[in-house]
């Protein structure tokens, strides 16, 4: 009978003892806690990158609008597509680095600069084909003085935290897989100055 009382006494002591309980509780909660923290940080960084691309589009469209950057008007300010893309990469370099070949062969940064006859003709949606960005119609042909133009930039931002990937990715592949990137899109529609000086 004494051994039964002793056994129950040991059980009571074990129940009262809290040595290591905090470590076990932390071990249980650490993984979801850190996943949430990483998801919050990654979301913040992605939206900061989105703002950076948006600011770069505004800055570059201002340079196109005022004639600081031109295209095929026989001026010293003329820039080809590769040069323009490099200038755009320089605008976002504080946080987003373009690869050494990005200016020649776009892999993550895609730029579409075109002239339209009026603002109503400008596309209002993201061109998607087979669940991915469709770049087949993209051009670099900004207009001269007085023309109506649109500058669009697309950047494929790599999503790392798998927890938020299905929610932050804005393009869905046709095979129902989860994309590994968040497509940052920035657009500026403008009319060039009547004369470039």
C-alpha atoms as a PDB file:
ATOM      1  CA  UNK A   1       0.000   0.000   0.000  1.00  0.00           C
ATOM      2  CA  UNK A   2       2.888   2.332   0.778  1.00  0.00           C
ATOM      3  CA  UNK A   3       4.222   1.919  -2.728  1.00  0.00           C
ATOM      4  CA  UNK A   4       0.869   3.063  -4.172  1.00  0.00           C
ATOM      5  CA  UNK A   5       0.930   6.217  -1.999  1.00  0.00           C
ATOM      6  CA  UNK A   6       4.528   6.785  -2.950  1.00  0.00           C
ATOM      7  CA  UNK A   7       3.631   6.431  -6.647  1.00  0.00           C
ATOM      8  CA  UNK A   8       0.790   8.970  -6.365  1.00  0.00           C
ATOM      9  CA  UNK A   9       3.098  11.292  -4.414  1.00  0.00           C
ATOM     10  CA  UNK A  10       5.614  11.156  -7.236  1.00  0.00           C
ATOM     11  CA  UNK A  11       2.837  11.937  -9.733  1.00  0.00           C
ATOM     12  CA  UNK A  12       1.777  15.010  -7.685  1.00  0.00           C
ATOM     13  CA  UNK A  13       5.387  16.214  -7.533  1.00  0.00           C
ATOM     14  CA  UNK A  14       5.755  15.767 -11.267  1.00  0.00           C
ATOM     15  CA  UNK A  15       2.554  17.714 -11.892  1.00  0.00           C
ATOM     16  CA  UNK A  16       3.714  20.604  -9.664  1.00  0.00           C
ATOM     17  CA  UNK A  17       7.184  20.711 -11.196  1.00  0.00           C
ATOM     18  CA  UNK A  18       7.464  23.168 -14.088  1.00  0.00           C
ATOM     19  CA  UNK A  19      11.172  22.747 -14.854  1.00  0.00           C
ATOM     20  CA  UNK A  20      11.566  22.730 -18.631  1.00  0.00           C
ATOM     21  CA  UNK A  21       7.915  23.536 -19.316  1.00  0.00           C
ATOM     22  CA  UNK A  22       8.784  26.908 -20.813  1.00  0.00           C
ATOM     23  CA  UNK A  23      11.319  25.285 -23.119  1.00  0.00           C
ATOM     24  CA  UNK A  24       8.775  22.725 -24.293  1.00  0.00           C
ATOM     25  CA  UNK A  25       6.098  25.393 -24.785  1.00  0.00           C
ATOM     26  CA  UNK A  26       8.545  27.541 -26.752  1.00  0.00           C
ATOM     27  CA  UNK A  27       9.567  24.553 -28.870  1.00  0.00           C
ATOM     28  CA  UNK A  28       5.921  23.968 -29.749  1.00  0.00           C
ATOM     29  CA  UNK A  29       5.221  27.622 -30.553  1.00  0.00           C
ATOM     30  CA  UNK A  30       8.573  28.638 -32.089  1.00  0.00           C
ATOM     31  CA  UNK A  31       8.004  27.289 -35.592  1.00  0.00           C
ATOM     32  CA  UNK A  32       4.627  28.977 -36.215  1.00  0.00           C
ATOM     33  CA  UNK A  33       5.849  32.139 -34.467  1.00  0.00           C
ATOM     34  CA  UNK A  34       8.944  32.480 -36.660  1.00  0.00           C
ATOM     35  CA  UNK A  35       6.990  31.580 -39.811  1.00  0.00           C
ATOM     36  CA  UNK A  36       4.580  34.423 -39.082  1.00  0.00           C
ATOM     37  CA  UNK A  37       7.463  36.819 -38.351  1.00  0.00           C
ATOM     38  CA  UNK A  38       9.255  35.852 -41.597  1.00  0.00           C
ATOM     39  CA  UNK A  39       5.998  36.206 -43.562  1.00  0.00           C
ATOM     40  CA  UNK A  40       5.452  39.700 -42.142  1.00  0.00           C
ATOM     41  CA  UNK A  41       9.029  40.738 -42.925  1.00  0.00           C
ATOM     42  CA  UNK A  42       8.888  39.308 -46.454  1.00  0.00           C
ATOM     43  CA  UNK A  43       5.560  41.012 -47.153  1.00  0.00           C
ATOM     44  CA  UNK A  44       7.011  44.312 -45.946  1.00  0.00           C
ATOM     45  CA  UNK A  45      10.099  43.913 -48.133  1.00  0.00           C
ATOM     46  CA  UNK A  46       8.019  42.932 -51.202  1.00  0.00           C
ATOM     47  CA  UNK A  47       5.787  45.972 -50.834  1.00  0.00           C
ATOM     48  CA  UNK A  48       8.845  48.170 -50.337  1.00  0.00           C
ATOM     49  CA  UNK A  49      10.222  46.744 -53.595  1.00  0.00           C
ATOM     50  CA  UNK A  50       6.890  47.492 -55.259  1.00  0.00           C
ATOM     51  CA  UNK A  51       7.107  51.118 -54.149  1.00  0.00           C
ATOM     52  CA  UNK A  52      10.697  51.307 -55.403  1.00  0.00           C
ATOM     53  CA  UNK A  53       9.699  50.075 -58.880  1.00  0.00           C
ATOM     54  CA  UNK A  54       6.758  52.492 -58.905  1.00  0.00           C
ATOM     55  CA  UNK A  55       9.049  55.421 -58.074  1.00  0.00           C
ATOM     56  CA  UNK A  56      11.497  54.327 -60.777  1.00  0.00           C
ATOM     57  CA  UNK A  57       8.678  54.268 -63.350  1.00  0.00           C
ATOM     58  CA  UNK A  58       7.652  57.787 -62.324  1.00  0.00           C
ATOM     59  CA  UNK A  59      11.245  59.067 -62.534  1.00  0.00           C
ATOM     60  CA  UNK A  60      11.944  57.429 -65.888  1.00  0.00           C
ATOM     61  CA  UNK A  61       8.628  58.543 -67.398  1.00  0.00           C
ATOM     62  CA  UNK A  62       9.388  62.098 -66.284  1.00  0.00           C
ATOM     63  CA  UNK A  63      12.730  61.903 -68.113  1.00  0.00           C
ATOM     64  CA  UNK A  64      10.972  60.598 -71.227  1.00  0.00           C
ATOM     65  CA  UNK A  65       8.208  63.205 -70.956  1.00  0.00           C
ATOM     66  CA  UNK A  66      10.618  66.136 -70.679  1.00  0.00           C
ATOM     67  CA  UNK A  67      13.062  64.894 -73.321  1.00  0.00           C
ATOM     68  CA  UNK A  68      15.956  64.085 -70.966  1.00  0.00           C
ATOM     69  CA  UNK A  69      15.766  60.600 -72.497  1.00  0.00           C
ATOM     70  CA  UNK A  70      14.694  60.309 -76.132  1.00  0.00           C
ATOM     71  CA  UNK A  71      14.431  57.596 -78.760  1.00  0.00           C
ATOM     72  CA  UNK A  72      15.488  57.891 -82.399  1.00  0.00           C
ATOM     73  CA  UNK A  73      15.234  61.665 -82.805  1.00  0.00           C
ATOM     74  CA  UNK A  74      18.948  62.079 -83.626  1.00  0.00           C
ATOM     75  CA  UNK A  75      19.826  63.668 -80.316  1.00  0.00           C
ATOM     76  CA  UNK A  76      22.579  63.131 -77.764  1.00  0.00           C
ATOM     77  CA  UNK A  77      19.837  62.083 -75.335  1.00  0.00           C
ATOM     78  CA  UNK A  78      18.767  59.110 -77.499  1.00  0.00           C
ATOM     79  CA  UNK A  79      18.792  55.803 -75.602  1.00  0.00           C
ATOM     80  CA  UNK A  80      18.265  52.329 -76.986  1.00  0.00           C
ATOM     81  CA  UNK A  81      16.265  49.695 -75.080  1.00  0.00           C
ATOM     82  CA  UNK A  82      19.350  48.186 -73.448  1.00  0.00           C
ATOM     83  CA  UNK A  83      20.611  51.580 -72.248  1.00  0.00           C
ATOM     84  CA  UNK A  84      17.166  52.509 -70.930  1.00  0.00           C
ATOM     85  CA  UNK A  85      16.877  49.207 -69.065  1.00  0.00           C
ATOM     86  CA  UNK A  86      20.305  49.813 -67.491  1.00  0.00           C
ATOM     87  CA  UNK A  87      19.218  53.295 -66.377  1.00  0.00           C
ATOM     88  CA  UNK A  88      16.065  51.743 -64.911  1.00  0.00           C
ATOM     89  CA  UNK A  89      18.186  49.148 -63.086  1.00  0.00           C
ATOM     90  CA  UNK A  90      20.254  51.990 -61.636  1.00  0.00           C
ATOM     91  CA  UNK A  91      17.034  53.578 -60.313  1.00  0.00           C
ATOM     92  CA  UNK A  92      16.075  50.445 -58.357  1.00  0.00           C
ATOM     93  CA  UNK A  93      19.603  49.389 -57.369  1.00  0.00           C
ATOM     94  CA  UNK A  94      19.194  50.494 -53.748  1.00  0.00           C
ATOM     95  CA  UNK A  95      17.198  47.333 -53.017  1.00  0.00           C
ATOM     96  CA  UNK A  96      16.755  45.338 -56.217  1.00  0.00           C
ATOM     97  CA  UNK A  97      19.854  44.243 -58.063  1.00  0.00           C
ATOM     98  CA  UNK A  98      19.683  43.458 -61.754  1.00  0.00           C
ATOM     99  CA  UNK A  99      21.941  40.683 -62.971  1.00  0.00           C
ATOM    100  CA  UNK A 100      24.850  41.563 -65.234  1.00  0.00           C
ATOM    101  CA  UNK A 101      22.902  40.304 -68.251  1.00  0.00           C
ATOM    102  CA  UNK A 102      19.529  41.827 -67.254  1.00  0.00           C
ATOM    103  CA  UNK A 103      19.975  44.886 -69.483  1.00  0.00           C
ATOM    104  CA  UNK A 104      20.517  42.709 -72.579  1.00  0.00           C
ATOM    105  CA  UNK A 105      18.296  39.730 -71.813  1.00  0.00           C
ATOM    106  CA  UNK A 106      15.437  40.420 -69.394  1.00  0.00           C
ATOM    107  CA  UNK A 107      14.852  37.674 -66.862  1.00  0.00           C
ATOM    108  CA  UNK A 108      13.138  39.488 -64.000  1.00  0.00           C
ATOM    109  CA  UNK A 109      12.707  43.095 -65.163  1.00  0.00           C
ATOM    110  CA  UNK A 110      10.506  43.706 -68.203  1.00  0.00           C
ATOM    111  CA  UNK A 111       9.856  47.174 -69.626  1.00  0.00           C
ATOM    112  CA  UNK A 112       7.176  48.192 -72.102  1.00  0.00           C
ATOM    113  CA  UNK A 113       7.370  51.772 -73.453  1.00  0.00           C
ATOM    114  CA  UNK A 114       4.994  52.602 -76.288  1.00  0.00           C
ATOM    115  CA  UNK A 115       3.176  55.410 -78.051  1.00  0.00           C
ATOM    116  CA  UNK A 116      -0.612  55.512 -78.440  1.00  0.00           C
ATOM    117  CA  UNK A 117      -2.916  57.744 -80.455  1.00  0.00           C
ATOM    118  CA  UNK A 118      -5.041  58.474 -77.368  1.00  0.00           C
ATOM    119  CA  UNK A 119      -5.247  57.493 -73.709  1.00  0.00           C
ATOM    120  CA  UNK A 120      -8.293  55.244 -74.265  1.00  0.00           C
ATOM    121  CA  UNK A 121      -6.218  52.875 -76.436  1.00  0.00           C
ATOM    122  CA  UNK A 122      -3.844  52.006 -73.588  1.00  0.00           C
ATOM    123  CA  UNK A 123      -4.167  48.493 -72.139  1.00  0.00           C
ATOM    124  CA  UNK A 124      -5.484  48.368 -68.597  1.00  0.00           C
ATOM    125  CA  UNK A 125      -4.673  44.761 -67.692  1.00  0.00           C
ATOM    126  CA  UNK A 126      -1.534  42.715 -67.183  1.00  0.00           C
ATOM    127  CA  UNK A 127      -0.781  40.589 -70.273  1.00  0.00           C
ATOM    128  CA  UNK A 128      -0.875  36.948 -69.184  1.00  0.00           C
ATOM    129  CA  UNK A 129      -0.454  33.829 -71.302  1.00  0.00           C
ATOM    130  CA  UNK A 130      -0.495  30.268 -69.956  1.00  0.00           C
ATOM    131  CA  UNK A 131      -0.315  31.538 -66.388  1.00  0.00           C
ATOM    132  CA  UNK A 132       2.797  33.653 -66.893  1.00  0.00           C
ATOM    133  CA  UNK A 133       3.612  37.191 -67.967  1.00  0.00           C
ATOM    134  CA  UNK A 134       3.251  37.524 -71.748  1.00  0.00           C
ATOM    135  CA  UNK A 135       6.098  39.741 -72.969  1.00  0.00           C
ATOM    136  CA  UNK A 136       5.641  39.051 -76.691  1.00  0.00           C
ATOM    137  CA  UNK A 137       4.034  42.452 -77.400  1.00  0.00           C
ATOM    138  CA  UNK A 138       6.439  44.487 -75.250  1.00  0.00           C
ATOM    139  CA  UNK A 139       8.335  47.218 -77.078  1.00  0.00           C
ATOM    140  CA  UNK A 140      10.696  50.042 -76.395  1.00  0.00           C
ATOM    141  CA  UNK A 141       9.399  52.753 -78.681  1.00  0.00           C
ATOM    142  CA  UNK A 142       8.704  55.916 -76.672  1.00  0.00           C
ATOM    143  CA  UNK A 143       7.438  58.750 -78.833  1.00  0.00           C
ATOM    144  CA  UNK A 144       8.785  62.172 -79.610  1.00  0.00           C
ATOM    145  CA  UNK A 145       7.496  65.616 -78.619  1.00  0.00           C
ATOM    146  CA  UNK A 146       3.743  65.885 -77.979  1.00  0.00           C
ATOM    147  CA  UNK A 147       3.023  62.148 -78.239  1.00  0.00           C
ATOM    148  CA  UNK A 148       0.900  60.117 -75.815  1.00  0.00           C
ATOM    149  CA  UNK A 149       2.935  57.384 -74.162  1.00  0.00           C
ATOM    150  CA  UNK A 150       2.773  54.661 -71.572  1.00  0.00           C
ATOM    151  CA  UNK A 151       5.666  53.203 -69.606  1.00  0.00           C
ATOM    152  CA  UNK A 152       5.086  49.919 -67.804  1.00  0.00           C
ATOM    153  CA  UNK A 153       7.600  47.976 -65.744  1.00  0.00           C
ATOM    154  CA  UNK A 154       7.171  44.422 -64.503  1.00  0.00           C
ATOM    155  CA  UNK A 155       9.501  42.843 -61.977  1.00  0.00           C
ATOM    156  CA  UNK A 156       9.336  39.196 -60.898  1.00  0.00           C
ATOM    157  CA  UNK A 157       9.963  39.382 -57.145  1.00  0.00           C
ATOM    158  CA  UNK A 158      11.098  36.032 -55.733  1.00  0.00           C
ATOM    159  CA  UNK A 159       8.861  34.838 -52.862  1.00  0.00           C
ATOM    160  CA  UNK A 160      10.780  32.861 -50.249  1.00  0.00           C
ATOM    161  CA  UNK A 161       8.396  32.188 -47.361  1.00  0.00           C
ATOM    162  CA  UNK A 162       6.157  29.345 -48.491  1.00  0.00           C
ATOM    163  CA  UNK A 163       3.486  30.343 -45.978  1.00  0.00           C
ATOM    164  CA  UNK A 164       2.505  33.477 -47.905  1.00  0.00           C
ATOM    165  CA  UNK A 165       3.326  32.369 -51.447  1.00  0.00           C
ATOM    166  CA  UNK A 166      -0.251  31.359 -52.375  1.00  0.00           C
ATOM    167  CA  UNK A 167      -1.607  34.653 -51.057  1.00  0.00           C
ATOM    168  CA  UNK A 168       0.977  37.149 -52.327  1.00  0.00           C
ATOM    169  CA  UNK A 169       1.497  35.686 -55.823  1.00  0.00           C
ATOM    170  CA  UNK A 170      -0.740  37.542 -58.242  1.00  0.00           C
ATOM    171  CA  UNK A 171      -0.310  35.340 -61.328  1.00  0.00           C
ATOM    172  CA  UNK A 172      -1.636  31.795 -61.270  1.00  0.00           C
ATOM    173  CA  UNK A 173      -0.031  29.168 -63.532  1.00  0.00           C
ATOM    174  CA  UNK A 174      -2.441  27.103 -65.629  1.00  0.00           C
ATOM    175  CA  UNK A 175      -1.203  23.841 -64.093  1.00  0.00           C
ATOM    176  CA  UNK A 176      -2.535  24.977 -60.661  1.00  0.00           C
ATOM    177  CA  UNK A 177       0.959  25.057 -59.168  1.00  0.00           C
ATOM    178  CA  UNK A 178       1.944  27.887 -56.879  1.00  0.00           C
ATOM    179  CA  UNK A 179       4.201  30.456 -58.594  1.00  0.00           C
ATOM    180  CA  UNK A 180       7.507  31.302 -56.980  1.00  0.00           C
ATOM    181  CA  UNK A 181       7.277  35.028 -57.597  1.00  0.00           C
ATOM    182  CA  UNK A 182       5.165  38.097 -56.942  1.00  0.00           C
ATOM    183  CA  UNK A 183       4.736  40.219 -60.063  1.00  0.00           C
ATOM    184  CA  UNK A 184       5.393  43.877 -59.309  1.00  0.00           C
ATOM    185  CA  UNK A 185       3.645  46.104 -61.854  1.00  0.00           C
ATOM    186  CA  UNK A 186       4.041  49.867 -62.214  1.00  0.00           C
ATOM    187  CA  UNK A 187       2.533  52.046 -64.944  1.00  0.00           C
ATOM    188  CA  UNK A 188       2.765  55.665 -65.993  1.00  0.00           C
ATOM    189  CA  UNK A 189       0.633  57.210 -68.744  1.00  0.00           C
ATOM    190  CA  UNK A 190       1.684  60.644 -69.943  1.00  0.00           C
ATOM    191  CA  UNK A 191       1.878  63.074 -72.830  1.00  0.00           C
ATOM    192  CA  UNK A 192       5.321  64.295 -73.802  1.00  0.00           C
ATOM    193  CA  UNK A 193       6.168  67.970 -73.714  1.00  0.00           C
ATOM    194  CA  UNK A 194       5.397  69.743 -77.012  1.00  0.00           C
ATOM    195  CA  UNK A 195       9.091  70.502 -77.556  1.00  0.00           C
ATOM    196  CA  UNK A 196      12.275  68.893 -76.275  1.00  0.00           C
ATOM    197  CA  UNK A 197      15.081  71.359 -75.573  1.00  0.00           C
END
